[in-house]
Amino acid sequence: MAVRLRVRLEREGRSVETVALVNSGYEARGPEILVPAHIARELGTYPQLPPGSEVMEYVLADGSRSKMIRVKGAVRVSLVAEDRVEGPVTADLVIAEGAEEALISDKLADELGIAIIAVGEGLWCFRDELGRRVRRSQA
């Protein structure tokens, strides 16, 4: 299992909720969320790209390289737990045509206050709950 959490993405009056994988190996300079093309389409950022979009080359975990579209500061991301909502945090939207699920970068996880307790078991909490509460991964 891994840590997957429900997030709400908002952009210009559009909103999408999805489950995203917290990926500490997804290192970014600032908050980023990687999404499949169908989510970007629902947000109105694909295939017609907004101004400021750029094609970036990302190095994947296996060392291979992939080109993806990054839209700087394009979305507001909120973490939606059963009893509270954290955010929104303004984040870059990374569109990966071949992706199957959304990924939360290391910096976005930090901004949302996510603390991973046991990644293999899907256990996590908010940073302000450390030592007091354990939450379980979505899906």
N, C-alpha and C. Protein backbone atom coordinates (compact mmCIF):
# COMPACT_ATOMS: atom_id res chain seq x y z
N MET A 1 0.86 -1.18 0.00
CA MET A 1 0.00 0.00 0.00
C MET A 1 0.89 1.23 0.00
N ALA A 2 0.34 2.35 -0.28
CA ALA A 2 1.04 3.64 -0.27
C ALA A 2 0.10 4.66 0.36
N VAL A 3 0.55 5.89 0.46
CA VAL A 3 -0.30 6.93 1.01
C VAL A 3 -0.98 7.66 -0.14
N ARG A 4 -2.28 7.46 -0.24
CA ARG A 4 -3.11 8.13 -1.24
C ARG A 4 -4.18 8.93 -0.50
N LEU A 5 -4.33 10.19 -0.91
CA LEU A 5 -5.22 11.10 -0.20
C LEU A 5 -6.16 11.81 -1.15
N ARG A 6 -7.33 12.16 -0.66
CA ARG A 6 -8.30 12.91 -1.46
C ARG A 6 -7.89 14.37 -1.51
N VAL A 7 -7.82 14.91 -2.73
CA VAL A 7 -7.49 16.32 -2.92
C VAL A 7 -8.55 16.99 -3.79
N ARG A 8 -8.69 18.28 -3.56
CA ARG A 8 -9.58 19.10 -4.41
C ARG A 8 -8.68 20.08 -5.16
N LEU A 9 -8.84 20.10 -6.49
CA LEU A 9 -8.09 21.02 -7.35
C LEU A 9 -9.08 22.06 -7.87
N GLU A 10 -8.71 23.33 -7.76
CA GLU A 10 -9.58 24.41 -8.21
C GLU A 10 -8.82 25.33 -9.15
N ARG A 11 -9.51 25.74 -10.21
CA ARG A 11 -8.95 26.68 -11.17
C ARG A 11 -10.07 27.42 -11.87
N GLU A 12 -10.07 28.71 -11.74
CA GLU A 12 -11.00 29.58 -12.47
C GLU A 12 -12.44 29.06 -12.46
N GLY A 13 -12.96 28.80 -11.27
CA GLY A 13 -14.34 28.39 -11.13
C GLY A 13 -14.61 26.92 -11.38
N ARG A 14 -13.61 26.17 -11.75
CA ARG A 14 -13.76 24.72 -11.94
C ARG A 14 -13.12 24.00 -10.76
N SER A 15 -13.70 22.85 -10.41
CA SER A 15 -13.20 22.09 -9.28
C SER A 15 -13.25 20.60 -9.60
N VAL A 16 -12.20 19.89 -9.22
CA VAL A 16 -12.13 18.45 -9.42
C VAL A 16 -11.63 17.83 -8.13
N GLU A 17 -12.27 16.76 -7.67
CA GLU A 17 -11.75 15.99 -6.55
C GLU A 17 -11.24 14.66 -7.09
N THR A 18 -10.09 14.24 -6.57
CA THR A 18 -9.48 12.98 -6.99
C THR A 18 -8.62 12.46 -5.86
N VAL A 19 -8.18 11.23 -5.97
CA VAL A 19 -7.24 10.66 -5.01
C VAL A 19 -5.85 10.77 -5.63
N ALA A 20 -4.89 11.26 -4.83
CA ALA A 20 -3.53 11.47 -5.32
C ALA A 20 -2.54 10.72 -4.42
N LEU A 21 -1.50 10.20 -5.04
CA LEU A 21 -0.43 9.49 -4.35
C LEU A 21 0.58 10.51 -3.81
N VAL A 22 0.91 10.40 -2.53
CA VAL A 22 1.96 11.24 -1.94
C VAL A 22 3.28 10.58 -2.31
N ASN A 23 4.12 11.30 -3.06
CA ASN A 23 5.34 10.71 -3.58
C ASN A 23 6.54 11.53 -3.12
N SER A 24 7.19 11.08 -2.05
CA SER A 24 8.33 11.83 -1.52
C SER A 24 9.50 11.84 -2.50
N GLY A 25 9.49 10.92 -3.45
CA GLY A 25 10.53 10.89 -4.48
C GLY A 25 10.28 11.88 -5.60
N TYR A 26 9.12 12.51 -5.61
CA TYR A 26 8.78 13.53 -6.60
C TYR A 26 9.30 14.85 -6.04
N GLU A 27 10.55 15.13 -6.32
CA GLU A 27 11.20 16.33 -5.80
C GLU A 27 10.93 17.50 -6.74
N ALA A 28 10.49 18.61 -6.17
CA ALA A 28 10.16 19.79 -6.96
C ALA A 28 10.73 21.02 -6.26
N ARG A 29 10.86 22.08 -7.00
CA ARG A 29 11.37 23.34 -6.42
C ARG A 29 10.31 24.05 -5.60
N GLY A 30 9.05 23.79 -5.91
CA GLY A 30 7.93 24.37 -5.20
C GLY A 30 6.78 23.40 -5.25
N PRO A 31 5.62 23.76 -4.70
CA PRO A 31 4.47 22.85 -4.72
C PRO A 31 4.04 22.51 -6.15
N GLU A 32 3.96 21.23 -6.45
CA GLU A 32 3.48 20.75 -7.75
C GLU A 32 2.54 19.59 -7.54
N ILE A 33 1.58 19.47 -8.45
CA ILE A 33 0.74 18.28 -8.50
C ILE A 33 0.73 17.81 -9.95
N LEU A 34 1.08 16.56 -10.14
CA LEU A 34 1.08 15.95 -11.47
C LEU A 34 -0.27 15.27 -11.66
N VAL A 35 -0.89 15.52 -12.81
CA VAL A 35 -2.21 14.95 -13.08
C VAL A 35 -2.26 14.32 -14.46
N PRO A 36 -3.11 13.30 -14.62
CA PRO A 36 -3.36 12.75 -15.96
C PRO A 36 -4.09 13.78 -16.82
N ALA A 37 -4.02 13.61 -18.11
CA ALA A 37 -4.64 14.55 -19.05
C ALA A 37 -6.14 14.74 -18.80
N HIS A 38 -6.86 13.70 -18.41
CA HIS A 38 -8.31 13.84 -18.22
C HIS A 38 -8.65 14.81 -17.09
N ILE A 39 -7.82 14.87 -16.05
CA ILE A 39 -8.07 15.83 -14.97
C ILE A 39 -7.75 17.24 -15.43
N ALA A 40 -6.66 17.40 -16.17
CA ALA A 40 -6.31 18.72 -16.73
C ALA A 40 -7.42 19.21 -17.66
N ARG A 41 -8.02 18.28 -18.38
CA ARG A 41 -9.13 18.63 -19.28
C ARG A 41 -10.32 19.16 -18.47
N GLU A 42 -10.64 18.49 -17.36
CA GLU A 42 -11.75 18.93 -16.50
C GLU A 42 -11.49 20.31 -15.90
N LEU A 43 -10.22 20.65 -15.70
CA LEU A 43 -9.86 21.96 -15.15
C LEU A 43 -9.74 23.04 -16.23
N GLY A 44 -9.89 22.63 -17.50
CA GLY A 44 -9.82 23.58 -18.60
C GLY A 44 -8.41 23.99 -18.99
N THR A 45 -7.42 23.17 -18.65
CA THR A 45 -6.03 23.50 -18.99
C THR A 45 -5.44 22.61 -20.07
N TYR A 46 -6.25 21.75 -20.66
CA TYR A 46 -5.74 20.81 -21.67
C TYR A 46 -6.88 20.37 -22.57
N PRO A 47 -6.71 20.26 -23.86
CA PRO A 47 -5.47 20.41 -24.62
C PRO A 47 -5.13 21.88 -24.96
N GLN A 48 -6.07 22.78 -24.76
CA GLN A 48 -5.81 24.21 -24.98
C GLN A 48 -5.07 24.74 -23.77
N LEU A 49 -3.78 24.95 -23.88
CA LEU A 49 -2.95 25.33 -22.74
C LEU A 49 -3.06 26.82 -22.44
N PRO A 50 -3.12 27.18 -21.17
CA PRO A 50 -3.17 28.59 -20.80
C PRO A 50 -1.82 29.27 -21.02
N PRO A 51 -1.81 30.60 -21.11
CA PRO A 51 -0.54 31.33 -21.24
C PRO A 51 0.38 30.98 -20.06
N GLY A 52 1.67 30.95 -20.35
CA GLY A 52 2.65 30.62 -19.32
C GLY A 52 2.94 29.14 -19.20
N SER A 53 2.27 28.31 -19.98
CA SER A 53 2.54 26.88 -19.96
C SER A 53 3.88 26.61 -20.63
N GLU A 54 4.58 25.61 -20.15
CA GLU A 54 5.86 25.27 -20.75
C GLU A 54 6.07 23.77 -20.73
N VAL A 55 6.80 23.28 -21.71
CA VAL A 55 7.16 21.86 -21.75
C VAL A 55 8.46 21.73 -20.98
N MET A 56 8.44 20.84 -20.00
CA MET A 56 9.60 20.62 -19.13
C MET A 56 10.04 19.16 -19.24
N GLU A 57 11.33 18.93 -19.09
CA GLU A 57 11.82 17.56 -19.05
C GLU A 57 12.00 17.17 -17.59
N TYR A 58 11.36 16.09 -17.19
CA TYR A 58 11.45 15.58 -15.83
C TYR A 58 12.25 14.29 -15.84
N VAL A 59 13.07 14.10 -14.81
CA VAL A 59 13.81 12.86 -14.63
C VAL A 59 12.98 11.98 -13.72
N LEU A 60 12.62 10.79 -14.20
CA LEU A 60 11.79 9.87 -13.44
C LEU A 60 12.63 9.02 -12.48
N ALA A 61 11.99 8.31 -11.60
CA ALA A 61 12.67 7.53 -10.56
C ALA A 61 13.65 6.52 -11.14
N ASP A 62 13.36 5.98 -12.31
CA ASP A 62 14.25 4.99 -12.91
C ASP A 62 15.38 5.62 -13.72
N GLY A 63 15.46 6.95 -13.70
CA GLY A 63 16.51 7.66 -14.43
C GLY A 63 16.13 8.07 -15.84
N SER A 64 15.00 7.56 -16.32
CA SER A 64 14.57 7.94 -17.66
C SER A 64 14.04 9.38 -17.64
N ARG A 65 13.89 9.96 -18.80
CA ARG A 65 13.43 11.34 -18.91
C ARG A 65 12.10 11.37 -19.66
N SER A 66 11.23 12.29 -19.24
CA SER A 66 9.92 12.42 -19.87
C SER A 66 9.57 13.89 -19.97
N LYS A 67 8.98 14.28 -21.08
CA LYS A 67 8.53 15.66 -21.25
C LYS A 67 7.09 15.78 -20.79
N MET A 68 6.84 16.79 -19.96
CA MET A 68 5.51 17.05 -19.45
C MET A 68 5.24 18.55 -19.52
N ILE A 69 3.99 18.90 -19.44
CA ILE A 69 3.59 20.30 -19.50
C ILE A 69 3.42 20.83 -18.08
N ARG A 70 4.04 21.96 -17.78
CA ARG A 70 3.88 22.59 -16.47
C ARG A 70 3.20 23.94 -16.65
N VAL A 71 2.15 24.14 -15.86
CA VAL A 71 1.42 25.41 -15.86
C VAL A 71 1.67 26.02 -14.48
N LYS A 72 2.49 27.05 -14.45
CA LYS A 72 2.93 27.65 -13.18
C LYS A 72 1.76 28.29 -12.43
N GLY A 73 1.65 27.94 -11.14
CA GLY A 73 0.64 28.53 -10.27
C GLY A 73 -0.79 28.36 -10.74
N ALA A 74 -1.06 27.27 -11.44
CA ALA A 74 -2.35 27.10 -12.12
C ALA A 74 -3.50 26.65 -11.23
N VAL A 75 -3.20 25.97 -10.12
CA VAL A 75 -4.28 25.39 -9.33
C VAL A 75 -4.13 25.69 -7.85
N ARG A 76 -5.27 25.65 -7.17
CA ARG A 76 -5.30 25.68 -5.71
C ARG A 76 -5.64 24.26 -5.27
N VAL A 77 -4.80 23.72 -4.41
CA VAL A 77 -4.96 22.33 -3.98
C VAL A 77 -5.32 22.30 -2.49
N SER A 78 -6.37 21.55 -2.17
CA SER A 78 -6.77 21.34 -0.78
C SER A 78 -6.76 19.85 -0.49
N LEU A 79 -6.32 19.49 0.69
CA LEU A 79 -6.36 18.11 1.16
C LEU A 79 -7.68 17.92 1.90
N VAL A 80 -8.47 16.95 1.45
CA VAL A 80 -9.81 16.74 2.00
C VAL A 80 -9.81 15.46 2.82
N ALA A 81 -9.77 15.61 4.14
CA ALA A 81 -9.86 14.46 5.06
C ALA A 81 -11.31 14.34 5.52
N GLU A 82 -11.61 13.25 6.22
CA GLU A 82 -13.00 13.03 6.64
C GLU A 82 -13.49 14.08 7.63
N ASP A 83 -12.56 14.70 8.37
CA ASP A 83 -12.97 15.64 9.40
C ASP A 83 -12.41 17.05 9.25
N ARG A 84 -11.60 17.27 8.20
CA ARG A 84 -11.06 18.62 8.01
C ARG A 84 -10.50 18.79 6.60
N VAL A 85 -10.34 20.03 6.22
CA VAL A 85 -9.76 20.38 4.92
C VAL A 85 -8.56 21.28 5.18
N GLU A 86 -7.42 20.95 4.59
CA GLU A 86 -6.22 21.78 4.68
C GLU A 86 -5.97 22.42 3.33
N GLY A 87 -5.64 23.69 3.34
CA GLY A 87 -5.39 24.41 2.09
C GLY A 87 -6.47 25.45 1.92
N PRO A 88 -6.51 26.07 0.79
CA PRO A 88 -5.79 25.67 -0.42
C PRO A 88 -4.36 26.21 -0.46
N VAL A 89 -3.55 25.48 -1.22
CA VAL A 89 -2.17 25.85 -1.51
C VAL A 89 -2.09 26.06 -3.02
N THR A 90 -1.50 27.17 -3.43
CA THR A 90 -1.30 27.41 -4.86
C THR A 90 -0.14 26.54 -5.33
N ALA A 91 -0.36 25.81 -6.42
CA ALA A 91 0.65 24.87 -6.92
C ALA A 91 0.73 24.91 -8.44
N ASP A 92 1.88 24.51 -8.95
CA ASP A 92 2.04 24.31 -10.38
C ASP A 92 1.31 23.03 -10.76
N LEU A 93 0.67 23.06 -11.91
CA LEU A 93 -0.02 21.88 -12.44
C LEU A 93 0.89 21.25 -13.49
N VAL A 94 1.24 19.98 -13.31
CA VAL A 94 2.05 19.25 -14.27
C VAL A 94 1.14 18.24 -14.94
N ILE A 95 1.08 18.33 -16.26
CA ILE A 95 0.18 17.45 -17.03
C ILE A 95 1.02 16.35 -17.67
N ALA A 96 0.70 15.11 -17.33
CA ALA A 96 1.40 13.94 -17.86
C ALA A 96 0.39 13.11 -18.64
N GLU A 97 0.49 13.14 -19.94
CA GLU A 97 -0.49 12.46 -20.79
C GLU A 97 -0.63 10.99 -20.47
N GLY A 98 0.45 10.31 -20.10
CA GLY A 98 0.39 8.88 -19.84
C GLY A 98 0.14 8.50 -18.39
N ALA A 99 -0.01 9.46 -17.52
CA ALA A 99 -0.19 9.16 -16.09
C ALA A 99 -1.53 8.48 -15.82
N GLU A 100 -1.54 7.62 -14.83
CA GLU A 100 -2.77 6.93 -14.43
C GLU A 100 -3.38 7.52 -13.17
N GLU A 101 -2.57 8.22 -12.37
CA GLU A 101 -3.09 8.83 -11.15
C GLU A 101 -2.34 10.12 -10.87
N ALA A 102 -2.93 10.94 -10.02
CA ALA A 102 -2.32 12.20 -9.62
C ALA A 102 -1.21 11.92 -8.61
N LEU A 103 -0.17 12.77 -8.63
CA LEU A 103 0.95 12.65 -7.70
C LEU A 103 1.18 13.97 -6.99
N ILE A 104 1.37 13.90 -5.68
CA ILE A 104 1.67 15.06 -4.86
C ILE A 104 3.18 15.13 -4.67
N SER A 105 3.79 16.28 -5.03
CA SER A 105 5.23 16.44 -4.88
C SER A 105 5.62 16.59 -3.41
N ASP A 106 6.91 16.50 -3.15
CA ASP A 106 7.43 16.66 -1.79
C ASP A 106 7.08 18.02 -1.21
N LYS A 107 7.23 19.08 -1.99
CA LYS A 107 6.97 20.43 -1.49
C LYS A 107 5.48 20.67 -1.26
N LEU A 108 4.62 20.09 -2.11
CA LEU A 108 3.18 20.23 -1.89
C LEU A 108 2.77 19.47 -0.63
N ALA A 109 3.34 18.28 -0.42
CA ALA A 109 3.04 17.52 0.80
C ALA A 109 3.41 18.34 2.03
N ASP A 110 4.55 19.01 1.97
CA ASP A 110 4.97 19.86 3.09
C ASP A 110 3.96 20.99 3.32
N GLU A 111 3.58 21.66 2.25
CA GLU A 111 2.65 22.80 2.37
C GLU A 111 1.28 22.37 2.91
N LEU A 112 0.87 21.14 2.60
CA LEU A 112 -0.42 20.64 3.07
C LEU A 112 -0.33 20.04 4.48
N GLY A 113 0.88 20.00 5.04
CA GLY A 113 1.05 19.50 6.41
C GLY A 113 0.94 18.00 6.55
N ILE A 114 1.32 17.26 5.51
CA ILE A 114 1.23 15.80 5.52
C ILE A 114 2.46 15.21 6.19
N ALA A 115 2.24 14.32 7.15
CA ALA A 115 3.33 13.57 7.80
C ALA A 115 3.08 12.09 7.56
N ILE A 116 3.98 11.44 6.87
CA ILE A 116 3.85 10.01 6.61
C ILE A 116 4.42 9.24 7.79
N ILE A 117 3.62 8.33 8.31
CA ILE A 117 4.01 7.54 9.49
C ILE A 117 4.59 6.20 9.05
N ALA A 118 3.86 5.48 8.18
CA ALA A 118 4.31 4.18 7.67
C ALA A 118 3.82 4.06 6.24
N VAL A 119 4.71 4.35 5.30
CA VAL A 119 4.30 4.41 3.90
C VAL A 119 3.79 3.05 3.40
N GLY A 120 4.44 1.96 3.78
CA GLY A 120 4.03 0.63 3.33
C GLY A 120 2.66 0.22 3.83
N GLU A 121 2.24 0.79 4.94
CA GLU A 121 0.93 0.49 5.50
C GLU A 121 -0.10 1.56 5.17
N GLY A 122 0.34 2.63 4.50
CA GLY A 122 -0.58 3.71 4.14
C GLY A 122 -1.01 4.55 5.33
N LEU A 123 -0.15 4.68 6.33
CA LEU A 123 -0.50 5.44 7.53
C LEU A 123 0.11 6.84 7.48
N TRP A 124 -0.67 7.82 7.88
CA TRP A 124 -0.23 9.21 7.84
C TRP A 124 -1.02 10.02 8.86
N CYS A 125 -0.66 11.28 9.01
CA CYS A 125 -1.43 12.22 9.81
C CYS A 125 -1.06 13.63 9.35
N PHE A 126 -1.77 14.61 9.86
CA PHE A 126 -1.34 15.99 9.65
C PHE A 126 -0.20 16.25 10.63
N ARG A 127 0.72 17.13 10.26
CA ARG A 127 1.87 17.42 11.13
C ARG A 127 1.45 17.86 12.52
N ASP A 128 0.35 18.60 12.62
CA ASP A 128 -0.08 19.06 13.95
C ASP A 128 -0.75 17.95 14.77
N GLU A 129 -0.86 16.74 14.21
CA GLU A 129 -1.45 15.60 14.92
C GLU A 129 -0.40 14.56 15.33
N LEU A 130 0.86 14.78 14.99
CA LEU A 130 1.91 13.79 15.27
C LEU A 130 1.86 13.33 16.72
N GLY A 131 1.86 12.01 16.90
CA GLY A 131 1.82 11.43 18.24
C GLY A 131 0.44 11.36 18.85
N ARG A 132 -0.55 11.94 18.17
CA ARG A 132 -1.91 11.95 18.73
C ARG A 132 -2.91 11.23 17.83
N ARG A 133 -2.62 11.10 16.54
CA ARG A 133 -3.59 10.51 15.63
C ARG A 133 -2.88 9.81 14.48
N VAL A 134 -3.47 8.72 14.02
CA VAL A 134 -2.98 8.00 12.85
C VAL A 134 -4.15 7.88 11.88
N ARG A 135 -3.92 8.26 10.65
CA ARG A 135 -4.95 8.17 9.60
C ARG A 135 -4.53 7.11 8.58
N ARG A 136 -5.54 6.60 7.85
CA ARG A 136 -5.30 5.57 6.84
C ARG A 136 -5.47 6.15 5.44
N SER A 137 -4.69 5.62 4.53
CA SER A 137 -4.70 6.01 3.13
C SER A 137 -6.08 5.78 2.50
N GLN A 138 -6.41 6.61 1.49
CA GLN A 138 -7.59 6.39 0.65
C GLN A 138 -7.23 5.31 -0.36
N ALA A 139 -8.17 4.49 -0.73
CA ALA A 139 -8.01 3.48 -1.78
C ALA A 139 -6.82 2.59 -1.59
